Amino acid sequence: MDVRKRNNDEASVFKMPLHYPRYSKEDYQDMPEWKLDRVLADYGLSTYGDLAHKRDFAMGAFLWISTHNPKLYQDKTSTPN
């Protein structure tokens, strides 16, 4: 999908990439700024701010609870083998 809207000679473009990013929290923490900018830009998200802000924003946008702590979804009634 490619949507363009002209307003004062500025173009607004939204593109939906085919795949959702599958980086871990550690990947985002170690990712160089240029790569983080690319990931955010691929999803039409802002690349404004310092590196710490971009990392926090990307982790908030792309990481699910299960990627933060997969133990939250384990069945607590089952017993280990």
PDB file of N, CA and C in Angstrom:
ATOM      1  N   MET A   1       0.846  -1.164   0.000  1.00  0.00           N
ATOM      2  CA  MET A   1       0.000   0.000   0.000  1.00  0.00           C
ATOM      3  C   MET A   1       0.894   1.230   0.000  1.00  0.00           C
ATOM      4  N   ASP A   2       0.572   2.182  -0.850  1.00  0.00           N
ATOM      5  CA  ASP A   2       1.346   3.408  -0.960  1.00  0.00           C
ATOM      6  C   ASP A   2       0.369   4.566  -1.074  1.00  0.00           C
ATOM      7  N   VAL A   3       0.276   5.379  -0.040  1.00  0.00           N
ATOM      8  CA  VAL A   3      -0.666   6.488  -0.017  1.00  0.00           C
ATOM      9  C   VAL A   3       0.135   7.781   0.018  1.00  0.00           C
ATOM     10  N   ARG A   4      -0.195   8.698  -0.899  1.00  0.00           N
ATOM     11  CA  ARG A   4       0.520   9.974  -0.945  1.00  0.00           C
ATOM     12  C   ARG A   4      -0.468  11.123  -0.796  1.00  0.00           C
ATOM     13  N   LYS A   5      -0.075  12.112  -0.029  1.00  0.00           N
ATOM     14  CA  LYS A   5      -0.903  13.296   0.157  1.00  0.00           C
ATOM     15  C   LYS A   5       0.010  14.510   0.104  1.00  0.00           C
ATOM     16  N   ARG A   6      -0.290  15.428  -0.777  1.00  0.00           N
ATOM     17  CA  ARG A   6       0.527  16.630  -0.904  1.00  0.00           C
ATOM     18  C   ARG A   6      -0.046  17.750  -0.042  1.00  0.00           C
ATOM     19  N   ASN A   7       0.812  18.346   0.780  1.00  0.00           N
ATOM     20  CA  ASN A   7       0.418  19.474   1.618  1.00  0.00           C
ATOM     21  C   ASN A   7       1.622  20.402   1.713  1.00  0.00           C
ATOM     22  N   ASN A   8       1.548  21.542   1.097  1.00  0.00           N
ATOM     23  CA  ASN A   8       2.671  22.484   1.085  1.00  0.00           C
ATOM     24  C   ASN A   8       3.937  21.846   0.525  1.00  0.00           C
ATOM     25  N   ASP A   9       3.791  21.117  -0.574  1.00  0.00           N
ATOM     26  CA  ASP A   9       4.903  20.449  -1.260  1.00  0.00           C
ATOM     27  C   ASP A   9       5.584  19.364  -0.422  1.00  0.00           C
ATOM     28  N   GLU A  10       4.903  18.823   0.578  1.00  0.00           N
ATOM     29  CA  GLU A  10       5.450  17.724   1.366  1.00  0.00           C
ATOM     30  C   GLU A  10       4.702  16.451   1.011  1.00  0.00           C
ATOM     31  N   ALA A  11       5.411  15.355   0.900  1.00  0.00           N
ATOM     32  CA  ALA A  11       4.784  14.079   0.578  1.00  0.00           C
ATOM     33  C   ALA A  11       4.704  13.236   1.833  1.00  0.00           C
ATOM     34  N   SER A  12       3.576  12.582   2.017  1.00  0.00           N
ATOM     35  CA  SER A  12       3.388  11.669   3.135  1.00  0.00           C
ATOM     36  C   SER A  12       3.210  10.280   2.554  1.00  0.00           C
ATOM     37  N   VAL A  13       4.037   9.358   2.962  1.00  0.00           N
ATOM     38  CA  VAL A  13       4.002   8.009   2.392  1.00  0.00           C
ATOM     39  C   VAL A  13       3.916   6.991   3.519  1.00  0.00           C
ATOM     40  N   PHE A  14       2.994   6.072   3.395  1.00  0.00           N
ATOM     41  CA  PHE A  14       2.907   4.950   4.333  1.00  0.00           C
ATOM     42  C   PHE A  14       3.065   3.673   3.537  1.00  0.00           C
ATOM     43  N   LYS A  15       3.978   2.833   3.937  1.00  0.00           N
ATOM     44  CA  LYS A  15       4.185   1.554   3.280  1.00  0.00           C
ATOM     45  C   LYS A  15       4.153   0.461   4.337  1.00  0.00           C
ATOM     46  N   MET A  16       3.376  -0.566   4.090  1.00  0.00           N
ATOM     47  CA  MET A  16       3.314  -1.689   5.018  1.00  0.00           C
ATOM     48  C   MET A  16       4.265  -2.783   4.531  1.00  0.00           C
ATOM     49  N   PRO A  17       5.356  -3.002   5.260  1.00  0.00           N
ATOM     50  CA  PRO A  17       6.273  -4.070   4.874  1.00  0.00           C
ATOM     51  C   PRO A  17       5.597  -5.428   4.952  1.00  0.00           C
ATOM     52  N   LEU A  18       6.146  -6.367   4.232  1.00  0.00           N
ATOM     53  CA  LEU A  18       5.572  -7.697   4.160  1.00  0.00           C
ATOM     54  C   LEU A  18       5.688  -8.444   5.493  1.00  0.00           C
ATOM     55  N   HIS A  19       6.784  -8.251   6.216  1.00  0.00           N
ATOM     56  CA  HIS A  19       7.028  -8.999   7.450  1.00  0.00           C
ATOM     57  C   HIS A  19       7.152  -8.061   8.648  1.00  0.00           C
ATOM     58  N   TYR A  20       6.721  -8.553   9.795  1.00  0.00           N
ATOM     59  CA  TYR A  20       6.870  -7.848  11.061  1.00  0.00           C
ATOM     60  C   TYR A  20       8.307  -8.058  11.537  1.00  0.00           C
ATOM     61  N   PRO A  21       8.986  -7.039  12.062  1.00  0.00           N
ATOM     62  CA  PRO A  21      10.376  -7.244  12.507  1.00  0.00           C
ATOM     63  C   PRO A  21      10.447  -8.258  13.644  1.00  0.00           C
ATOM     64  N   ARG A  22      11.405  -9.121  13.580  1.00  0.00           N
ATOM     65  CA  ARG A  22      11.556 -10.163  14.596  1.00  0.00           C
ATOM     66  C   ARG A  22      12.862 -10.024  15.354  1.00  0.00           C
ATOM     67  N   TYR A  23      13.076  -8.853  15.878  1.00  0.00           N
ATOM     68  CA  TYR A  23      14.264  -8.609  16.683  1.00  0.00           C
ATOM     69  C   TYR A  23      13.914  -8.762  18.152  1.00  0.00           C
ATOM     70  N   SER A  24      14.887  -9.187  18.938  1.00  0.00           N
ATOM     71  CA  SER A  24      14.690  -9.309  20.380  1.00  0.00           C
ATOM     72  C   SER A  24      15.041  -7.984  21.054  1.00  0.00           C
ATOM     73  N   LYS A  25      14.748  -7.903  22.328  1.00  0.00           N
ATOM     74  CA  LYS A  25      15.094  -6.711  23.104  1.00  0.00           C
ATOM     75  C   LYS A  25      16.593  -6.461  23.037  1.00  0.00           C
ATOM     76  N   GLU A  26      17.372  -7.517  23.122  1.00  0.00           N
ATOM     77  CA  GLU A  26      18.825  -7.399  23.051  1.00  0.00           C
ATOM     78  C   GLU A  26      19.270  -6.901  21.682  1.00  0.00           C
ATOM     79  N   ASP A  27      18.591  -7.356  20.615  1.00  0.00           N
ATOM     80  CA  ASP A  27      18.913  -6.883  19.265  1.00  0.00           C
ATOM     81  C   ASP A  27      18.726  -5.376  19.166  1.00  0.00           C
ATOM     82  N   TYR A  28      17.597  -4.876  19.694  1.00  0.00           N
ATOM     83  CA  TYR A  28      17.345  -3.431  19.648  1.00  0.00           C
ATOM     84  C   TYR A  28      18.359  -2.668  20.500  1.00  0.00           C
ATOM     85  N   GLN A  29      18.762  -3.228  21.632  1.00  0.00           N
ATOM     86  CA  GLN A  29      19.721  -2.549  22.505  1.00  0.00           C
ATOM     87  C   GLN A  29      21.103  -2.455  21.871  1.00  0.00           C
ATOM     88  N   ASP A  30      21.455  -3.432  21.014  1.00  0.00           N
ATOM     89  CA  ASP A  30      22.769  -3.449  20.375  1.00  0.00           C
ATOM     90  C   ASP A  30      22.755  -2.900  18.953  1.00  0.00           C
ATOM     91  N   MET A  31      21.585  -2.590  18.416  1.00  0.00           N
ATOM     92  CA  MET A  31      21.438  -2.180  17.021  1.00  0.00           C
ATOM     93  C   MET A  31      22.058  -0.800  16.787  1.00  0.00           C
ATOM     94  N   PRO A  32      22.866  -0.665  15.726  1.00  0.00           N
ATOM     95  CA  PRO A  32      23.408   0.660  15.421  1.00  0.00           C
ATOM     96  C   PRO A  32      22.293   1.617  14.992  1.00  0.00           C
ATOM     97  N   GLU A  33      22.534   2.895  15.174  1.00  0.00           N
ATOM     98  CA  GLU A  33      21.496   3.890  14.915  1.00  0.00           C
ATOM     99  C   GLU A  33      21.007   3.866  13.468  1.00  0.00           C
ATOM    100  N   TRP A  34      21.916   3.668  12.504  1.00  0.00           N
ATOM    101  CA  TRP A  34      21.497   3.680  11.106  1.00  0.00           C
ATOM    102  C   TRP A  34      20.516   2.551  10.808  1.00  0.00           C
ATOM    103  N   LYS A  35      20.719   1.380  11.442  1.00  0.00           N
ATOM    104  CA  LYS A  35      19.830   0.240  11.210  1.00  0.00           C
ATOM    105  C   LYS A  35      18.484   0.459  11.905  1.00  0.00           C
ATOM    106  N   LEU A  36      18.523   1.021  13.097  1.00  0.00           N
ATOM    107  CA  LEU A  36      17.301   1.336  13.819  1.00  0.00           C
ATOM    108  C   LEU A  36      16.467   2.357  13.037  1.00  0.00           C
ATOM    109  N   ASP A  37      17.139   3.365  12.479  1.00  0.00           N
ATOM    110  CA  ASP A  37      16.445   4.342  11.633  1.00  0.00           C
ATOM    111  C   ASP A  37      15.771   3.651  10.449  1.00  0.00           C
ATOM    112  N   ARG A  38      16.443   2.690   9.871  1.00  0.00           N
ATOM    113  CA  ARG A  38      15.901   1.983   8.710  1.00  0.00           C
ATOM    114  C   ARG A  38      14.661   1.162   9.083  1.00  0.00           C
ATOM    115  N   VAL A  39      14.731   0.469  10.200  1.00  0.00           N
ATOM    116  CA  VAL A  39      13.591  -0.335  10.655  1.00  0.00           C
ATOM    117  C   VAL A  39      12.385   0.565  10.915  1.00  0.00           C
ATOM    118  N   LEU A  40      12.593   1.658  11.616  1.00  0.00           N
ATOM    119  CA  LEU A  40      11.488   2.582  11.909  1.00  0.00           C
ATOM    120  C   LEU A  40      10.938   3.191  10.622  1.00  0.00           C
ATOM    121  N   ALA A  41      11.811   3.621   9.726  1.00  0.00           N
ATOM    122  CA  ALA A  41      11.377   4.238   8.470  1.00  0.00           C
ATOM    123  C   ALA A  41      10.624   3.240   7.595  1.00  0.00           C
ATOM    124  N   ASP A  42      11.026   1.970   7.611  1.00  0.00           N
ATOM    125  CA  ASP A  42      10.329   0.942   6.820  1.00  0.00           C
ATOM    126  C   ASP A  42       8.866   0.812   7.218  1.00  0.00           C
ATOM    127  N   TYR A  43       8.551   1.141   8.449  1.00  0.00           N
ATOM    128  CA  TYR A  43       7.178   1.051   8.947  1.00  0.00           C
ATOM    129  C   TYR A  43       6.506   2.416   9.032  1.00  0.00           C
ATOM    130  N   GLY A  44       7.132   3.416   8.448  1.00  0.00           N
ATOM    131  CA  GLY A  44       6.544   4.747   8.430  1.00  0.00           C
ATOM    132  C   GLY A  44       6.550   5.429   9.788  1.00  0.00           C
ATOM    133  N   LEU A  45       7.442   5.001  10.670  1.00  0.00           N
ATOM    134  CA  LEU A  45       7.514   5.571  12.016  1.00  0.00           C
ATOM    135  C   LEU A  45       8.604   6.632  12.087  1.00  0.00           C
ATOM    136  N   SER A  46       8.495   7.504  13.050  1.00  0.00           N
ATOM    137  CA  SER A  46       9.421   8.618  13.204  1.00  0.00           C
ATOM    138  C   SER A  46      10.822   8.141  13.565  1.00  0.00           C
ATOM    139  N   THR A  47      11.811   8.775  12.955  1.00  0.00           N
ATOM    140  CA  THR A  47      13.206   8.522  13.304  1.00  0.00           C
ATOM    141  C   THR A  47      13.778   9.716  14.067  1.00  0.00           C
ATOM    142  N   TYR A  48      12.875  10.543  14.613  1.00  0.00           N
ATOM    143  CA  TYR A  48      13.276  11.729  15.357  1.00  0.00           C
ATOM    144  C   TYR A  48      13.704  11.347  16.769  1.00  0.00           C
ATOM    145  N   GLY A  49      14.709  12.023  17.274  1.00  0.00           N
ATOM    146  CA  GLY A  49      15.145  11.822  18.648  1.00  0.00           C
ATOM    147  C   GLY A  49      16.523  11.218  18.738  1.00  0.00           C
ATOM    148  N   ASP A  50      17.004  11.095  19.958  1.00  0.00           N
ATOM    149  CA  ASP A  50      18.319  10.503  20.142  1.00  0.00           C
ATOM    150  C   ASP A  50      18.221   8.978  20.097  1.00  0.00           C
ATOM    151  N   LEU A  51      19.363   8.330  20.140  1.00  0.00           N
ATOM    152  CA  LEU A  51      19.414   6.876  19.994  1.00  0.00           C
ATOM    153  C   LEU A  51      18.624   6.162  21.086  1.00  0.00           C
ATOM    154  N   ALA A  52      18.722   6.630  22.324  1.00  0.00           N
ATOM    155  CA  ALA A  52      17.987   5.993  23.433  1.00  0.00           C
ATOM    156  C   ALA A  52      16.478   6.075  23.200  1.00  0.00           C
ATOM    157  N   HIS A  53      16.002   7.229  22.737  1.00  0.00           N
ATOM    158  CA  HIS A  53      14.578   7.401  22.454  1.00  0.00           C
ATOM    159  C   HIS A  53      14.127   6.460  21.338  1.00  0.00           C
ATOM    160  N   LYS A  54      14.916   6.359  20.274  1.00  0.00           N
ATOM    161  CA  LYS A  54      14.577   5.489  19.147  1.00  0.00           C
ATOM    162  C   LYS A  54      14.511   4.027  19.596  1.00  0.00           C
ATOM    163  N   ARG A  55      15.455   3.616  20.423  1.00  0.00           N
ATOM    164  CA  ARG A  55      15.452   2.226  20.903  1.00  0.00           C
ATOM    165  C   ARG A  55      14.213   1.955  21.746  1.00  0.00           C
ATOM    166  N   ASP A  56      13.905   2.852  22.664  1.00  0.00           N
ATOM    167  CA  ASP A  56      12.711   2.681  23.503  1.00  0.00           C
ATOM    168  C   ASP A  56      11.448   2.647  22.652  1.00  0.00           C
ATOM    169  N   PHE A  57      11.385   3.534  21.672  1.00  0.00           N
ATOM    170  CA  PHE A  57      10.213   3.597  20.802  1.00  0.00           C
ATOM    171  C   PHE A  57      10.059   2.308  20.000  1.00  0.00           C
ATOM    172  N   ALA A  58      11.152   1.814  19.424  1.00  0.00           N
ATOM    173  CA  ALA A  58      11.108   0.582  18.632  1.00  0.00           C
ATOM    174  C   ALA A  58      10.715  -0.610  19.490  1.00  0.00           C
ATOM    175  N   MET A  59      11.267  -0.702  20.683  1.00  0.00           N
ATOM    176  CA  MET A  59      10.921  -1.820  21.564  1.00  0.00           C
ATOM    177  C   MET A  59       9.457  -1.748  21.975  1.00  0.00           C
ATOM    178  N   GLY A  60       8.957  -0.560  22.234  1.00  0.00           N
ATOM    179  CA  GLY A  60       7.554  -0.403  22.587  1.00  0.00           C
ATOM    180  C   GLY A  60       6.622  -0.721  21.431  1.00  0.00           C
ATOM    181  N   ALA A  61       7.055  -0.410  20.225  1.00  0.00           N
ATOM    182  CA  ALA A  61       6.215  -0.626  19.047  1.00  0.00           C
ATOM    183  C   ALA A  61       6.238  -2.066  18.564  1.00  0.00           C
ATOM    184  N   PHE A  62       7.380  -2.723  18.648  1.00  0.00           N
ATOM    185  CA  PHE A  62       7.543  -4.017  17.997  1.00  0.00           C
ATOM    186  C   PHE A  62       7.632  -5.225  18.922  1.00  0.00           C
ATOM    187  N   LEU A  63       7.933  -5.032  20.193  1.00  0.00           N
ATOM    188  CA  LEU A  63       8.074  -6.186  21.086  1.00  0.00           C
ATOM    189  C   LEU A  63       6.759  -6.492  21.780  1.00  0.00           C
ATOM    190  N   TRP A  64       6.405  -7.730  21.791  1.00  0.00           N
ATOM    191  CA  TRP A  64       5.205  -8.199  22.484  1.00  0.00           C
ATOM    192  C   TRP A  64       5.606  -8.666  23.869  1.00  0.00           C
ATOM    193  N   ILE A  65       4.650  -8.811  24.753  1.00  0.00           N
ATOM    194  CA  ILE A  65       4.930  -9.276  26.115  1.00  0.00           C
ATOM    195  C   ILE A  65       5.661 -10.612  26.080  1.00  0.00           C
ATOM    196  N   SER A  66       5.277 -11.487  25.179  1.00  0.00           N
ATOM    197  CA  SER A  66       5.894 -12.810  25.129  1.00  0.00           C
ATOM    198  C   SER A  66       7.377 -12.717  24.783  1.00  0.00           C
ATOM    199  N   THR A  67       7.817 -11.666  24.088  1.00  0.00           N
ATOM    200  CA  THR A  67       9.236 -11.527  23.788  1.00  0.00           C
ATOM    201  C   THR A  67       9.997 -10.943  24.963  1.00  0.00           C
ATOM    202  N   HIS A  68       9.292 -10.263  25.877  1.00  0.00           N
ATOM    203  CA  HIS A  68       9.937  -9.732  27.075  1.00  0.00           C
ATOM    204  C   HIS A  68      10.103 -10.825  28.123  1.00  0.00           C
ATOM    205  N   ASN A  69       9.054 -11.609  28.350  1.00  0.00           N
ATOM    206  CA  ASN A  69       9.078 -12.632  29.378  1.00  0.00           C
ATOM    207  C   ASN A  69       8.177 -13.799  28.978  1.00  0.00           C
ATOM    208  N   PRO A  70       8.721 -14.779  28.244  1.00  0.00           N
ATOM    209  CA  PRO A  70       7.891 -15.892  27.788  1.00  0.00           C
ATOM    210  C   PRO A  70       7.312 -16.736  28.921  1.00  0.00           C
ATOM    211  N   LYS A  71       7.860 -16.639  30.136  1.00  0.00           N
ATOM    212  CA  LYS A  71       7.354 -17.431  31.255  1.00  0.00           C
ATOM    213  C   LYS A  71       5.958 -16.993  31.681  1.00  0.00           C
ATOM    214  N   LEU A  72       5.554 -15.776  31.280  1.00  0.00           N
ATOM    215  CA  LEU A  72       4.211 -15.305  31.633  1.00  0.00           C
ATOM    216  C   LEU A  72       3.121 -16.179  31.027  1.00  0.00           C
ATOM    217  N   TYR A  73       3.442 -16.852  29.934  1.00  0.00           N
ATOM    218  CA  TYR A  73       2.434 -17.626  29.219  1.00  0.00           C
ATOM    219  C   TYR A  73       2.515 -19.120  29.495  1.00  0.00           C
ATOM    220  N   GLN A  74       3.371 -19.538  30.404  1.00  0.00           N
ATOM    221  CA  GLN A  74       3.459 -20.953  30.738  1.00  0.00           C
ATOM    222  C   GLN A  74       2.303 -21.351  31.641  1.00  0.00           C
ATOM    223  N   ASP A  75       1.838 -22.560  31.456  1.00  0.00           N
ATOM    224  CA  ASP A  75       0.738 -23.078  32.272  1.00  0.00           C
ATOM    225  C   ASP A  75       1.285 -23.372  33.663  1.00  0.00           C
ATOM    226  N   LYS A  76       0.756 -22.689  34.659  1.00  0.00           N
ATOM    227  CA  LYS A  76       1.258 -22.838  36.030  1.00  0.00           C
ATOM    228  C   LYS A  76       0.697 -24.083  36.723  1.00  0.00           C
ATOM    229  N   THR A  77      -0.316 -24.731  36.111  1.00  0.00           N
ATOM    230  CA  THR A  77      -0.877 -25.912  36.722  1.00  0.00           C
ATOM    231  C   THR A  77      -0.132 -27.180  36.339  1.00  0.00           C
ATOM    232  N   SER A  78       0.664 -27.103  35.259  1.00  0.00           N
ATOM    233  CA  SER A  78       1.377 -28.306  34.826  1.00  0.00           C
ATOM    234  C   SER A  78       2.611 -28.525  35.699  1.00  0.00           C
ATOM    235  N   THR A  79       3.014 -29.751  35.810  1.00  0.00           N
ATOM    236  CA  THR A  79       4.192 -30.091  36.593  1.00  0.00           C
ATOM    237  C   THR A  79       5.338 -30.442  35.667  1.00  0.00           C
ATOM    238  N   PRO A  80       6.560 -30.123  36.044  1.00  0.00           N
ATOM    239  CA  PRO A  80       7.718 -30.461  35.201  1.00  0.00           C
ATOM    240  C   PRO A  80       7.891 -31.970  35.109  1.00  0.00           C
ATOM    241  N   ASN A  81       8.461 -32.409  34.013  1.00  0.00           N
ATOM    242  CA  ASN A  81       8.688 -33.872  33.804  1.00  0.00           C
ATOM    243  C   ASN A  81       9.773 -34.397  34.654  1.00  0.00           C
TER     244      ASN A  81
END
